PDBML (XML) file of the C-alpha atoms, coordinates in Angstrom:
<?xml version="1.0" encoding="UTF-8" ?>
<PDBx:datablock datablockName="MODEL"
   xmlns:PDBx="http://pdbml.pdb.org/schema/pdbx-v50.xsd"
   xmlns:xsi="http://www.w3.org/2001/XMLSchema-instance"
   xsi:schemaLocation="http://pdbml.pdb.org/schema/pdbx-v50.xsd pdbx-v50.xsd">
   <PDBx:atom_siteCategory>
      <PDBx:atom_site id="1">
         <PDBx:B_iso_or_equiv>0.00</PDBx:B_iso_or_equiv>
         <PDBx:Cartn_x>143.649</PDBx:Cartn_x>
         <PDBx:Cartn_y>214.315</PDBx:Cartn_y>
         <PDBx:Cartn_z>22.041</PDBx:Cartn_z>
         <PDBx:auth_asym_id>A</PDBx:auth_asym_id>
         <PDBx:auth_atom_id>CA</PDBx:auth_atom_id>
         <PDBx:auth_comp_id>UNK</PDBx:auth_comp_id>
         <PDBx:auth_seq_id>1</PDBx:auth_seq_id>
         <PDBx:group_PDB>ATOM</PDBx:group_PDB>
         <PDBx:label_alt_id xsi:nil="true" />
         <PDBx:label_asym_id>A</PDBx:label_asym_id>
         <PDBx:label_atom_id>CA</PDBx:label_atom_id>
         <PDBx:label_comp_id>UNK</PDBx:label_comp_id>
         <PDBx:label_entity_id>1</PDBx:label_entity_id>
         <PDBx:label_seq_id>1</PDBx:label_seq_id>
         <PDBx:occupancy>1.00</PDBx:occupancy>
         <PDBx:pdbx_PDB_model_num>1</PDBx:pdbx_PDB_model_num>
         <PDBx:type_symbol>C</PDBx:type_symbol>
      </PDBx:atom_site>
      <PDBx:atom_site id="2">
         <PDBx:B_iso_or_equiv>0.00</PDBx:B_iso_or_equiv>
         <PDBx:Cartn_x>144.984</PDBx:Cartn_x>
         <PDBx:Cartn_y>211.092</PDBx:Cartn_y>
         <PDBx:Cartn_z>20.618</PDBx:Cartn_z>
         <PDBx:auth_asym_id>A</PDBx:auth_asym_id>
         <PDBx:auth_atom_id>CA</PDBx:auth_atom_id>
         <PDBx:auth_comp_id>UNK</PDBx:auth_comp_id>
         <PDBx:auth_seq_id>2</PDBx:auth_seq_id>
         <PDBx:group_PDB>ATOM</PDBx:group_PDB>
         <PDBx:label_alt_id xsi:nil="true" />
         <PDBx:label_asym_id>A</PDBx:label_asym_id>
         <PDBx:label_atom_id>CA</PDBx:label_atom_id>
         <PDBx:label_comp_id>UNK</PDBx:label_comp_id>
         <PDBx:label_entity_id>1</PDBx:label_entity_id>
         <PDBx:label_seq_id>2</PDBx:label_seq_id>
         <PDBx:occupancy>1.00</PDBx:occupancy>
         <PDBx:pdbx_PDB_model_num>1</PDBx:pdbx_PDB_model_num>
         <PDBx:type_symbol>C</PDBx:type_symbol>
      </PDBx:atom_site>
      <PDBx:atom_site id="3">
         <PDBx:B_iso_or_equiv>0.00</PDBx:B_iso_or_equiv>
         <PDBx:Cartn_x>142.684</PDBx:Cartn_x>
         <PDBx:Cartn_y>208.923</PDBx:Cartn_y>
         <PDBx:Cartn_z>18.576</PDBx:Cartn_z>
         <PDBx:auth_asym_id>A</PDBx:auth_asym_id>
         <PDBx:auth_atom_id>CA</PDBx:auth_atom_id>
         <PDBx:auth_comp_id>UNK</PDBx:auth_comp_id>
         <PDBx:auth_seq_id>3</PDBx:auth_seq_id>
         <PDBx:group_PDB>ATOM</PDBx:group_PDB>
         <PDBx:label_alt_id xsi:nil="true" />
         <PDBx:label_asym_id>A</PDBx:label_asym_id>
         <PDBx:label_atom_id>CA</PDBx:label_atom_id>
         <PDBx:label_comp_id>UNK</PDBx:label_comp_id>
         <PDBx:label_entity_id>1</PDBx:label_entity_id>
         <PDBx:label_seq_id>3</PDBx:label_seq_id>
         <PDBx:occupancy>1.00</PDBx:occupancy>
         <PDBx:pdbx_PDB_model_num>1</PDBx:pdbx_PDB_model_num>
         <PDBx:type_symbol>C</PDBx:type_symbol>
      </PDBx:atom_site>
      <PDBx:atom_site id="4">
         <PDBx:B_iso_or_equiv>0.00</PDBx:B_iso_or_equiv>
         <PDBx:Cartn_x>142.540</PDBx:Cartn_x>
         <PDBx:Cartn_y>206.425</PDBx:Cartn_y>
         <PDBx:Cartn_z>21.463</PDBx:Cartn_z>
         <PDBx:auth_asym_id>A</PDBx:auth_asym_id>
         <PDBx:auth_atom_id>CA</PDBx:auth_atom_id>
         <PDBx:auth_comp_id>UNK</PDBx:auth_comp_id>
         <PDBx:auth_seq_id>4</PDBx:auth_seq_id>
         <PDBx:group_PDB>ATOM</PDBx:group_PDB>
         <PDBx:label_alt_id xsi:nil="true" />
         <PDBx:label_asym_id>A</PDBx:label_asym_id>
         <PDBx:label_atom_id>CA</PDBx:label_atom_id>
         <PDBx:label_comp_id>UNK</PDBx:label_comp_id>
         <PDBx:label_entity_id>1</PDBx:label_entity_id>
         <PDBx:label_seq_id>4</PDBx:label_seq_id>
         <PDBx:occupancy>1.00</PDBx:occupancy>
         <PDBx:pdbx_PDB_model_num>1</PDBx:pdbx_PDB_model_num>
         <PDBx:type_symbol>C</PDBx:type_symbol>
      </PDBx:atom_site>
      <PDBx:atom_site id="5">
         <PDBx:B_iso_or_equiv>0.00</PDBx:B_iso_or_equiv>
         <PDBx:Cartn_x>141.701</PDBx:Cartn_x>
         <PDBx:Cartn_y>209.149</PDBx:Cartn_y>
         <PDBx:Cartn_z>23.992</PDBx:Cartn_z>
         <PDBx:auth_asym_id>A</PDBx:auth_asym_id>
         <PDBx:auth_atom_id>CA</PDBx:auth_atom_id>
         <PDBx:auth_comp_id>UNK</PDBx:auth_comp_id>
         <PDBx:auth_seq_id>5</PDBx:auth_seq_id>
         <PDBx:group_PDB>ATOM</PDBx:group_PDB>
         <PDBx:label_alt_id xsi:nil="true" />
         <PDBx:label_asym_id>A</PDBx:label_asym_id>
         <PDBx:label_atom_id>CA</PDBx:label_atom_id>
         <PDBx:label_comp_id>UNK</PDBx:label_comp_id>
         <PDBx:label_entity_id>1</PDBx:label_entity_id>
         <PDBx:label_seq_id>5</PDBx:label_seq_id>
         <PDBx:occupancy>1.00</PDBx:occupancy>
         <PDBx:pdbx_PDB_model_num>1</PDBx:pdbx_PDB_model_num>
         <PDBx:type_symbol>C</PDBx:type_symbol>
      </PDBx:atom_site>
      <PDBx:atom_site id="6">
         <PDBx:B_iso_or_equiv>0.00</PDBx:B_iso_or_equiv>
         <PDBx:Cartn_x>138.967</PDBx:Cartn_x>
         <PDBx:Cartn_y>210.475</PDBx:Cartn_y>
         <PDBx:Cartn_z>21.731</PDBx:Cartn_z>
         <PDBx:auth_asym_id>A</PDBx:auth_asym_id>
         <PDBx:auth_atom_id>CA</PDBx:auth_atom_id>
         <PDBx:auth_comp_id>UNK</PDBx:auth_comp_id>
         <PDBx:auth_seq_id>6</PDBx:auth_seq_id>
         <PDBx:group_PDB>ATOM</PDBx:group_PDB>
         <PDBx:label_alt_id xsi:nil="true" />
         <PDBx:label_asym_id>A</PDBx:label_asym_id>
         <PDBx:label_atom_id>CA</PDBx:label_atom_id>
         <PDBx:label_comp_id>UNK</PDBx:label_comp_id>
         <PDBx:label_entity_id>1</PDBx:label_entity_id>
         <PDBx:label_seq_id>6</PDBx:label_seq_id>
         <PDBx:occupancy>1.00</PDBx:occupancy>
         <PDBx:pdbx_PDB_model_num>1</PDBx:pdbx_PDB_model_num>
         <PDBx:type_symbol>C</PDBx:type_symbol>
      </PDBx:atom_site>
      <PDBx:atom_site id="7">
         <PDBx:B_iso_or_equiv>0.00</PDBx:B_iso_or_equiv>
         <PDBx:Cartn_x>137.508</PDBx:Cartn_x>
         <PDBx:Cartn_y>207.017</PDBx:Cartn_y>
         <PDBx:Cartn_z>21.204</PDBx:Cartn_z>
         <PDBx:auth_asym_id>A</PDBx:auth_asym_id>
         <PDBx:auth_atom_id>CA</PDBx:auth_atom_id>
         <PDBx:auth_comp_id>UNK</PDBx:auth_comp_id>
         <PDBx:auth_seq_id>7</PDBx:auth_seq_id>
         <PDBx:group_PDB>ATOM</PDBx:group_PDB>
         <PDBx:label_alt_id xsi:nil="true" />
         <PDBx:label_asym_id>A</PDBx:label_asym_id>
         <PDBx:label_atom_id>CA</PDBx:label_atom_id>
         <PDBx:label_comp_id>UNK</PDBx:label_comp_id>
         <PDBx:label_entity_id>1</PDBx:label_entity_id>
         <PDBx:label_seq_id>7</PDBx:label_seq_id>
         <PDBx:occupancy>1.00</PDBx:occupancy>
         <PDBx:pdbx_PDB_model_num>1</PDBx:pdbx_PDB_model_num>
         <PDBx:type_symbol>C</PDBx:type_symbol>
      </PDBx:atom_site>
      <PDBx:atom_site id="8">
         <PDBx:B_iso_or_equiv>0.00</PDBx:B_iso_or_equiv>
         <PDBx:Cartn_x>137.576</PDBx:Cartn_x>
         <PDBx:Cartn_y>206.260</PDBx:Cartn_y>
         <PDBx:Cartn_z>24.931</PDBx:Cartn_z>
         <PDBx:auth_asym_id>A</PDBx:auth_asym_id>
         <PDBx:auth_atom_id>CA</PDBx:auth_atom_id>
         <PDBx:auth_comp_id>UNK</PDBx:auth_comp_id>
         <PDBx:auth_seq_id>8</PDBx:auth_seq_id>
         <PDBx:group_PDB>ATOM</PDBx:group_PDB>
         <PDBx:label_alt_id xsi:nil="true" />
         <PDBx:label_asym_id>A</PDBx:label_asym_id>
         <PDBx:label_atom_id>CA</PDBx:label_atom_id>
         <PDBx:label_comp_id>UNK</PDBx:label_comp_id>
         <PDBx:label_entity_id>1</PDBx:label_entity_id>
         <PDBx:label_seq_id>8</PDBx:label_seq_id>
         <PDBx:occupancy>1.00</PDBx:occupancy>
         <PDBx:pdbx_PDB_model_num>1</PDBx:pdbx_PDB_model_num>
         <PDBx:type_symbol>C</PDBx:type_symbol>
      </PDBx:atom_site>
      <PDBx:atom_site id="9">
         <PDBx:B_iso_or_equiv>0.00</PDBx:B_iso_or_equiv>
         <PDBx:Cartn_x>135.723</PDBx:Cartn_x>
         <PDBx:Cartn_y>209.476</PDBx:Cartn_y>
         <PDBx:Cartn_z>25.789</PDBx:Cartn_z>
         <PDBx:auth_asym_id>A</PDBx:auth_asym_id>
         <PDBx:auth_atom_id>CA</PDBx:auth_atom_id>
         <PDBx:auth_comp_id>UNK</PDBx:auth_comp_id>
         <PDBx:auth_seq_id>9</PDBx:auth_seq_id>
         <PDBx:group_PDB>ATOM</PDBx:group_PDB>
         <PDBx:label_alt_id xsi:nil="true" />
         <PDBx:label_asym_id>A</PDBx:label_asym_id>
         <PDBx:label_atom_id>CA</PDBx:label_atom_id>
         <PDBx:label_comp_id>UNK</PDBx:label_comp_id>
         <PDBx:label_entity_id>1</PDBx:label_entity_id>
         <PDBx:label_seq_id>9</PDBx:label_seq_id>
         <PDBx:occupancy>1.00</PDBx:occupancy>
         <PDBx:pdbx_PDB_model_num>1</PDBx:pdbx_PDB_model_num>
         <PDBx:type_symbol>C</PDBx:type_symbol>
      </PDBx:atom_site>
      <PDBx:atom_site id="10">
         <PDBx:B_iso_or_equiv>0.00</PDBx:B_iso_or_equiv>
         <PDBx:Cartn_x>133.008</PDBx:Cartn_x>
         <PDBx:Cartn_y>208.701</PDBx:Cartn_y>
         <PDBx:Cartn_z>23.258</PDBx:Cartn_z>
         <PDBx:auth_asym_id>A</PDBx:auth_asym_id>
         <PDBx:auth_atom_id>CA</PDBx:auth_atom_id>
         <PDBx:auth_comp_id>UNK</PDBx:auth_comp_id>
         <PDBx:auth_seq_id>10</PDBx:auth_seq_id>
         <PDBx:group_PDB>ATOM</PDBx:group_PDB>
         <PDBx:label_alt_id xsi:nil="true" />
         <PDBx:label_asym_id>A</PDBx:label_asym_id>
         <PDBx:label_atom_id>CA</PDBx:label_atom_id>
         <PDBx:label_comp_id>UNK</PDBx:label_comp_id>
         <PDBx:label_entity_id>1</PDBx:label_entity_id>
         <PDBx:label_seq_id>10</PDBx:label_seq_id>
         <PDBx:occupancy>1.00</PDBx:occupancy>
         <PDBx:pdbx_PDB_model_num>1</PDBx:pdbx_PDB_model_num>
         <PDBx:type_symbol>C</PDBx:type_symbol>
      </PDBx:atom_site>
      <PDBx:atom_site id="11">
         <PDBx:B_iso_or_equiv>0.00</PDBx:B_iso_or_equiv>
         <PDBx:Cartn_x>132.659</PDBx:Cartn_x>
         <PDBx:Cartn_y>205.088</PDBx:Cartn_y>
         <PDBx:Cartn_z>24.462</PDBx:Cartn_z>
         <PDBx:auth_asym_id>A</PDBx:auth_asym_id>
         <PDBx:auth_atom_id>CA</PDBx:auth_atom_id>
         <PDBx:auth_comp_id>UNK</PDBx:auth_comp_id>
         <PDBx:auth_seq_id>11</PDBx:auth_seq_id>
         <PDBx:group_PDB>ATOM</PDBx:group_PDB>
         <PDBx:label_alt_id xsi:nil="true" />
         <PDBx:label_asym_id>A</PDBx:label_asym_id>
         <PDBx:label_atom_id>CA</PDBx:label_atom_id>
         <PDBx:label_comp_id>UNK</PDBx:label_comp_id>
         <PDBx:label_entity_id>1</PDBx:label_entity_id>
         <PDBx:label_seq_id>11</PDBx:label_seq_id>
         <PDBx:occupancy>1.00</PDBx:occupancy>
         <PDBx:pdbx_PDB_model_num>1</PDBx:pdbx_PDB_model_num>
         <PDBx:type_symbol>C</PDBx:type_symbol>
      </PDBx:atom_site>
      <PDBx:atom_site id="12">
         <PDBx:B_iso_or_equiv>0.00</PDBx:B_iso_or_equiv>
         <PDBx:Cartn_x>132.379</PDBx:Cartn_x>
         <PDBx:Cartn_y>206.248</PDBx:Cartn_y>
         <PDBx:Cartn_z>28.079</PDBx:Cartn_z>
         <PDBx:auth_asym_id>A</PDBx:auth_asym_id>
         <PDBx:auth_atom_id>CA</PDBx:auth_atom_id>
         <PDBx:auth_comp_id>UNK</PDBx:auth_comp_id>
         <PDBx:auth_seq_id>12</PDBx:auth_seq_id>
         <PDBx:group_PDB>ATOM</PDBx:group_PDB>
         <PDBx:label_alt_id xsi:nil="true" />
         <PDBx:label_asym_id>A</PDBx:label_asym_id>
         <PDBx:label_atom_id>CA</PDBx:label_atom_id>
         <PDBx:label_comp_id>UNK</PDBx:label_comp_id>
         <PDBx:label_entity_id>1</PDBx:label_entity_id>
         <PDBx:label_seq_id>12</PDBx:label_seq_id>
         <PDBx:occupancy>1.00</PDBx:occupancy>
         <PDBx:pdbx_PDB_model_num>1</PDBx:pdbx_PDB_model_num>
         <PDBx:type_symbol>C</PDBx:type_symbol>
      </PDBx:atom_site>
      <PDBx:atom_site id="13">
         <PDBx:B_iso_or_equiv>0.00</PDBx:B_iso_or_equiv>
         <PDBx:Cartn_x>129.416</PDBx:Cartn_x>
         <PDBx:Cartn_y>208.441</PDBx:Cartn_y>
         <PDBx:Cartn_z>27.184</PDBx:Cartn_z>
         <PDBx:auth_asym_id>A</PDBx:auth_asym_id>
         <PDBx:auth_atom_id>CA</PDBx:auth_atom_id>
         <PDBx:auth_comp_id>UNK</PDBx:auth_comp_id>
         <PDBx:auth_seq_id>13</PDBx:auth_seq_id>
         <PDBx:group_PDB>ATOM</PDBx:group_PDB>
         <PDBx:label_alt_id xsi:nil="true" />
         <PDBx:label_asym_id>A</PDBx:label_asym_id>
         <PDBx:label_atom_id>CA</PDBx:label_atom_id>
         <PDBx:label_comp_id>UNK</PDBx:label_comp_id>
         <PDBx:label_entity_id>1</PDBx:label_entity_id>
         <PDBx:label_seq_id>13</PDBx:label_seq_id>
         <PDBx:occupancy>1.00</PDBx:occupancy>
         <PDBx:pdbx_PDB_model_num>1</PDBx:pdbx_PDB_model_num>
         <PDBx:type_symbol>C</PDBx:type_symbol>
      </PDBx:atom_site>
      <PDBx:atom_site id="14">
         <PDBx:B_iso_or_equiv>0.00</PDBx:B_iso_or_equiv>
         <PDBx:Cartn_x>131.192</PDBx:Cartn_x>
         <PDBx:Cartn_y>211.749</PDBx:Cartn_y>
         <PDBx:Cartn_z>27.668</PDBx:Cartn_z>
         <PDBx:auth_asym_id>A</PDBx:auth_asym_id>
         <PDBx:auth_atom_id>CA</PDBx:auth_atom_id>
         <PDBx:auth_comp_id>UNK</PDBx:auth_comp_id>
         <PDBx:auth_seq_id>14</PDBx:auth_seq_id>
         <PDBx:group_PDB>ATOM</PDBx:group_PDB>
         <PDBx:label_alt_id xsi:nil="true" />
         <PDBx:label_asym_id>A</PDBx:label_asym_id>
         <PDBx:label_atom_id>CA</PDBx:label_atom_id>
         <PDBx:label_comp_id>UNK</PDBx:label_comp_id>
         <PDBx:label_entity_id>1</PDBx:label_entity_id>
         <PDBx:label_seq_id>14</PDBx:label_seq_id>
         <PDBx:occupancy>1.00</PDBx:occupancy>
         <PDBx:pdbx_PDB_model_num>1</PDBx:pdbx_PDB_model_num>
         <PDBx:type_symbol>C</PDBx:type_symbol>
      </PDBx:atom_site>
      <PDBx:atom_site id="15">
         <PDBx:B_iso_or_equiv>0.00</PDBx:B_iso_or_equiv>
         <PDBx:Cartn_x>129.124</PDBx:Cartn_x>
         <PDBx:Cartn_y>214.624</PDBx:Cartn_y>
         <PDBx:Cartn_z>26.210</PDBx:Cartn_z>
         <PDBx:auth_asym_id>A</PDBx:auth_asym_id>
         <PDBx:auth_atom_id>CA</PDBx:auth_atom_id>
         <PDBx:auth_comp_id>UNK</PDBx:auth_comp_id>
         <PDBx:auth_seq_id>15</PDBx:auth_seq_id>
         <PDBx:group_PDB>ATOM</PDBx:group_PDB>
         <PDBx:label_alt_id xsi:nil="true" />
         <PDBx:label_asym_id>A</PDBx:label_asym_id>
         <PDBx:label_atom_id>CA</PDBx:label_atom_id>
         <PDBx:label_comp_id>UNK</PDBx:label_comp_id>
         <PDBx:label_entity_id>1</PDBx:label_entity_id>
         <PDBx:label_seq_id>15</PDBx:label_seq_id>
         <PDBx:occupancy>1.00</PDBx:occupancy>
         <PDBx:pdbx_PDB_model_num>1</PDBx:pdbx_PDB_model_num>
         <PDBx:type_symbol>C</PDBx:type_symbol>
      </PDBx:atom_site>
      <PDBx:atom_site id="16">
         <PDBx:B_iso_or_equiv>0.00</PDBx:B_iso_or_equiv>
         <PDBx:Cartn_x>130.507</PDBx:Cartn_x>
         <PDBx:Cartn_y>215.944</PDBx:Cartn_y>
         <PDBx:Cartn_z>22.975</PDBx:Cartn_z>
         <PDBx:auth_asym_id>A</PDBx:auth_asym_id>
         <PDBx:auth_atom_id>CA</PDBx:auth_atom_id>
         <PDBx:auth_comp_id>UNK</PDBx:auth_comp_id>
         <PDBx:auth_seq_id>16</PDBx:auth_seq_id>
         <PDBx:group_PDB>ATOM</PDBx:group_PDB>
         <PDBx:label_alt_id xsi:nil="true" />
         <PDBx:label_asym_id>A</PDBx:label_asym_id>
         <PDBx:label_atom_id>CA</PDBx:label_atom_id>
         <PDBx:label_comp_id>UNK</PDBx:label_comp_id>
         <PDBx:label_entity_id>1</PDBx:label_entity_id>
         <PDBx:label_seq_id>16</PDBx:label_seq_id>
         <PDBx:occupancy>1.00</PDBx:occupancy>
         <PDBx:pdbx_PDB_model_num>1</PDBx:pdbx_PDB_model_num>
         <PDBx:type_symbol>C</PDBx:type_symbol>
      </PDBx:atom_site>
      <PDBx:atom_site id="17">
         <PDBx:B_iso_or_equiv>0.00</PDBx:B_iso_or_equiv>
         <PDBx:Cartn_x>129.713</PDBx:Cartn_x>
         <PDBx:Cartn_y>217.967</PDBx:Cartn_y>
         <PDBx:Cartn_z>19.891</PDBx:Cartn_z>
         <PDBx:auth_asym_id>A</PDBx:auth_asym_id>
         <PDBx:auth_atom_id>CA</PDBx:auth_atom_id>
         <PDBx:auth_comp_id>UNK</PDBx:auth_comp_id>
         <PDBx:auth_seq_id>17</PDBx:auth_seq_id>
         <PDBx:group_PDB>ATOM</PDBx:group_PDB>
         <PDBx:label_alt_id xsi:nil="true" />
         <PDBx:label_asym_id>A</PDBx:label_asym_id>
         <PDBx:label_atom_id>CA</PDBx:label_atom_id>
         <PDBx:label_comp_id>UNK</PDBx:label_comp_id>
         <PDBx:label_entity_id>1</PDBx:label_entity_id>
         <PDBx:label_seq_id>17</PDBx:label_seq_id>
         <PDBx:occupancy>1.00</PDBx:occupancy>
         <PDBx:pdbx_PDB_model_num>1</PDBx:pdbx_PDB_model_num>
         <PDBx:type_symbol>C</PDBx:type_symbol>
      </PDBx:atom_site>
      <PDBx:atom_site id="18">
         <PDBx:B_iso_or_equiv>0.00</PDBx:B_iso_or_equiv>
         <PDBx:Cartn_x>131.140</PDBx:Cartn_x>
         <PDBx:Cartn_y>217.788</PDBx:Cartn_y>
         <PDBx:Cartn_z>16.398</PDBx:Cartn_z>
         <PDBx:auth_asym_id>A</PDBx:auth_asym_id>
         <PDBx:auth_atom_id>CA</PDBx:auth_atom_id>
         <PDBx:auth_comp_id>UNK</PDBx:auth_comp_id>
         <PDBx:auth_seq_id>18</PDBx:auth_seq_id>
         <PDBx:group_PDB>ATOM</PDBx:group_PDB>
         <PDBx:label_alt_id xsi:nil="true" />
         <PDBx:label_asym_id>A</PDBx:label_asym_id>
         <PDBx:label_atom_id>CA</PDBx:label_atom_id>
         <PDBx:label_comp_id>UNK</PDBx:label_comp_id>
         <PDBx:label_entity_id>1</PDBx:label_entity_id>
         <PDBx:label_seq_id>18</PDBx:label_seq_id>
         <PDBx:occupancy>1.00</PDBx:occupancy>
         <PDBx:pdbx_PDB_model_num>1</PDBx:pdbx_PDB_model_num>
         <PDBx:type_symbol>C</PDBx:type_symbol>
      </PDBx:atom_site>
      <PDBx:atom_site id="19">
         <PDBx:B_iso_or_equiv>0.00</PDBx:B_iso_or_equiv>
         <PDBx:Cartn_x>132.486</PDBx:Cartn_x>
         <PDBx:Cartn_y>221.092</PDBx:Cartn_y>
         <PDBx:Cartn_z>15.080</PDBx:Cartn_z>
         <PDBx:auth_asym_id>A</PDBx:auth_asym_id>
         <PDBx:auth_atom_id>CA</PDBx:auth_atom_id>
         <PDBx:auth_comp_id>UNK</PDBx:auth_comp_id>
         <PDBx:auth_seq_id>19</PDBx:auth_seq_id>
         <PDBx:group_PDB>ATOM</PDBx:group_PDB>
         <PDBx:label_alt_id xsi:nil="true" />
         <PDBx:label_asym_id>A</PDBx:label_asym_id>
         <PDBx:label_atom_id>CA</PDBx:label_atom_id>
         <PDBx:label_comp_id>UNK</PDBx:label_comp_id>
         <PDBx:label_entity_id>1</PDBx:label_entity_id>
         <PDBx:label_seq_id>19</PDBx:label_seq_id>
         <PDBx:occupancy>1.00</PDBx:occupancy>
         <PDBx:pdbx_PDB_model_num>1</PDBx:pdbx_PDB_model_num>
         <PDBx:type_symbol>C</PDBx:type_symbol>
      </PDBx:atom_site>
      <PDBx:atom_site id="20">
         <PDBx:B_iso_or_equiv>0.00</PDBx:B_iso_or_equiv>
         <PDBx:Cartn_x>133.309</PDBx:Cartn_x>
         <PDBx:Cartn_y>222.111</PDBx:Cartn_y>
         <PDBx:Cartn_z>11.535</PDBx:Cartn_z>
         <PDBx:auth_asym_id>A</PDBx:auth_asym_id>
         <PDBx:auth_atom_id>CA</PDBx:auth_atom_id>
         <PDBx:auth_comp_id>UNK</PDBx:auth_comp_id>
         <PDBx:auth_seq_id>20</PDBx:auth_seq_id>
         <PDBx:group_PDB>ATOM</PDBx:group_PDB>
         <PDBx:label_alt_id xsi:nil="true" />
         <PDBx:label_asym_id>A</PDBx:label_asym_id>
         <PDBx:label_atom_id>CA</PDBx:label_atom_id>
         <PDBx:label_comp_id>UNK</PDBx:label_comp_id>
         <PDBx:label_entity_id>1</PDBx:label_entity_id>
         <PDBx:label_seq_id>20</PDBx:label_seq_id>
         <PDBx:occupancy>1.00</PDBx:occupancy>
         <PDBx:pdbx_PDB_model_num>1</PDBx:pdbx_PDB_model_num>
         <PDBx:type_symbol>C</PDBx:type_symbol>
      </PDBx:atom_site>
      <PDBx:atom_site id="21">
         <PDBx:B_iso_or_equiv>0.00</PDBx:B_iso_or_equiv>
         <PDBx:Cartn_x>136.999</PDBx:Cartn_x>
         <PDBx:Cartn_y>222.721</PDBx:Cartn_y>
         <PDBx:Cartn_z>10.908</PDBx:Cartn_z>
         <PDBx:auth_asym_id>A</PDBx:auth_asym_id>
         <PDBx:auth_atom_id>CA</PDBx:auth_atom_id>
         <PDBx:auth_comp_id>UNK</PDBx:auth_comp_id>
         <PDBx:auth_seq_id>21</PDBx:auth_seq_id>
         <PDBx:group_PDB>ATOM</PDBx:group_PDB>
         <PDBx:label_alt_id xsi:nil="true" />
         <PDBx:label_asym_id>A</PDBx:label_asym_id>
         <PDBx:label_atom_id>CA</PDBx:label_atom_id>
         <PDBx:label_comp_id>UNK</PDBx:label_comp_id>
         <PDBx:label_entity_id>1</PDBx:label_entity_id>
         <PDBx:label_seq_id>21</PDBx:label_seq_id>
         <PDBx:occupancy>1.00</PDBx:occupancy>
         <PDBx:pdbx_PDB_model_num>1</PDBx:pdbx_PDB_model_num>
         <PDBx:type_symbol>C</PDBx:type_symbol>
      </PDBx:atom_site>
      <PDBx:atom_site id="22">
         <PDBx:B_iso_or_equiv>0.00</PDBx:B_iso_or_equiv>
         <PDBx:Cartn_x>136.918</PDBx:Cartn_x>
         <PDBx:Cartn_y>226.196</PDBx:Cartn_y>
         <PDBx:Cartn_z>9.419</PDBx:Cartn_z>
         <PDBx:auth_asym_id>A</PDBx:auth_asym_id>
         <PDBx:auth_atom_id>CA</PDBx:auth_atom_id>
         <PDBx:auth_comp_id>UNK</PDBx:auth_comp_id>
         <PDBx:auth_seq_id>22</PDBx:auth_seq_id>
         <PDBx:group_PDB>ATOM</PDBx:group_PDB>
         <PDBx:label_alt_id xsi:nil="true" />
         <PDBx:label_asym_id>A</PDBx:label_asym_id>
         <PDBx:label_atom_id>CA</PDBx:label_atom_id>
         <PDBx:label_comp_id>UNK</PDBx:label_comp_id>
         <PDBx:label_entity_id>1</PDBx:label_entity_id>
         <PDBx:label_seq_id>22</PDBx:label_seq_id>
         <PDBx:occupancy>1.00</PDBx:occupancy>
         <PDBx:pdbx_PDB_model_num>1</PDBx:pdbx_PDB_model_num>
         <PDBx:type_symbol>C</PDBx:type_symbol>
      </PDBx:atom_site>
      <PDBx:atom_site id="23">
         <PDBx:B_iso_or_equiv>0.00</PDBx:B_iso_or_equiv>
         <PDBx:Cartn_x>140.136</PDBx:Cartn_x>
         <PDBx:Cartn_y>226.830</PDBx:Cartn_y>
         <PDBx:Cartn_z>7.447</PDBx:Cartn_z>
         <PDBx:auth_asym_id>A</PDBx:auth_asym_id>
         <PDBx:auth_atom_id>CA</PDBx:auth_atom_id>
         <PDBx:auth_comp_id>UNK</PDBx:auth_comp_id>
         <PDBx:auth_seq_id>23</PDBx:auth_seq_id>
         <PDBx:group_PDB>ATOM</PDBx:group_PDB>
         <PDBx:label_alt_id xsi:nil="true" />
         <PDBx:label_asym_id>A</PDBx:label_asym_id>
         <PDBx:label_atom_id>CA</PDBx:label_atom_id>
         <PDBx:label_comp_id>UNK</PDBx:label_comp_id>
         <PDBx:label_entity_id>1</PDBx:label_entity_id>
         <PDBx:label_seq_id>23</PDBx:label_seq_id>
         <PDBx:occupancy>1.00</PDBx:occupancy>
         <PDBx:pdbx_PDB_model_num>1</PDBx:pdbx_PDB_model_num>
         <PDBx:type_symbol>C</PDBx:type_symbol>
      </PDBx:atom_site>
      <PDBx:atom_site id="24">
         <PDBx:B_iso_or_equiv>0.00</PDBx:B_iso_or_equiv>
         <PDBx:Cartn_x>142.388</PDBx:Cartn_x>
         <PDBx:Cartn_y>229.768</PDBx:Cartn_y>
         <PDBx:Cartn_z>8.222</PDBx:Cartn_z>
         <PDBx:auth_asym_id>A</PDBx:auth_asym_id>
         <PDBx:auth_atom_id>CA</PDBx:auth_atom_id>
         <PDBx:auth_comp_id>UNK</PDBx:auth_comp_id>
         <PDBx:auth_seq_id>24</PDBx:auth_seq_id>
         <PDBx:group_PDB>ATOM</PDBx:group_PDB>
         <PDBx:label_alt_id xsi:nil="true" />
         <PDBx:label_asym_id>A</PDBx:label_asym_id>
         <PDBx:label_atom_id>CA</PDBx:label_atom_id>
         <PDBx:label_comp_id>UNK</PDBx:label_comp_id>
         <PDBx:label_entity_id>1</PDBx:label_entity_id>
         <PDBx:label_seq_id>24</PDBx:label_seq_id>
         <PDBx:occupancy>1.00</PDBx:occupancy>
         <PDBx:pdbx_PDB_model_num>1</PDBx:pdbx_PDB_model_num>
         <PDBx:type_symbol>C</PDBx:type_symbol>
      </PDBx:atom_site>
      <PDBx:atom_site id="25">
         <PDBx:B_iso_or_equiv>0.00</PDBx:B_iso_or_equiv>
         <PDBx:Cartn_x>143.169</PDBx:Cartn_x>
         <PDBx:Cartn_y>232.571</PDBx:Cartn_y>
         <PDBx:Cartn_z>5.784</PDBx:Cartn_z>
         <PDBx:auth_asym_id>A</PDBx:auth_asym_id>
         <PDBx:auth_atom_id>CA</PDBx:auth_atom_id>
         <PDBx:auth_comp_id>UNK</PDBx:auth_comp_id>
         <PDBx:auth_seq_id>25</PDBx:auth_seq_id>
         <PDBx:group_PDB>ATOM</PDBx:group_PDB>
         <PDBx:label_alt_id xsi:nil="true" />
         <PDBx:label_asym_id>A</PDBx:label_asym_id>
         <PDBx:label_atom_id>CA</PDBx:label_atom_id>
         <PDBx:label_comp_id>UNK</PDBx:label_comp_id>
         <PDBx:label_entity_id>1</PDBx:label_entity_id>
         <PDBx:label_seq_id>25</PDBx:label_seq_id>
         <PDBx:occupancy>1.00</PDBx:occupancy>
         <PDBx:pdbx_PDB_model_num>1</PDBx:pdbx_PDB_model_num>
         <PDBx:type_symbol>C</PDBx:type_symbol>
      </PDBx:atom_site>
   </PDBx:atom_siteCategory>
</PDBx:datablock>
């Protein structure tokens, strides 16, 4: 998602979680 789309979802109260970005390899 774009930064604006992400921000809008959070502001609208959409359920979310924060995940750790596990590196590859």
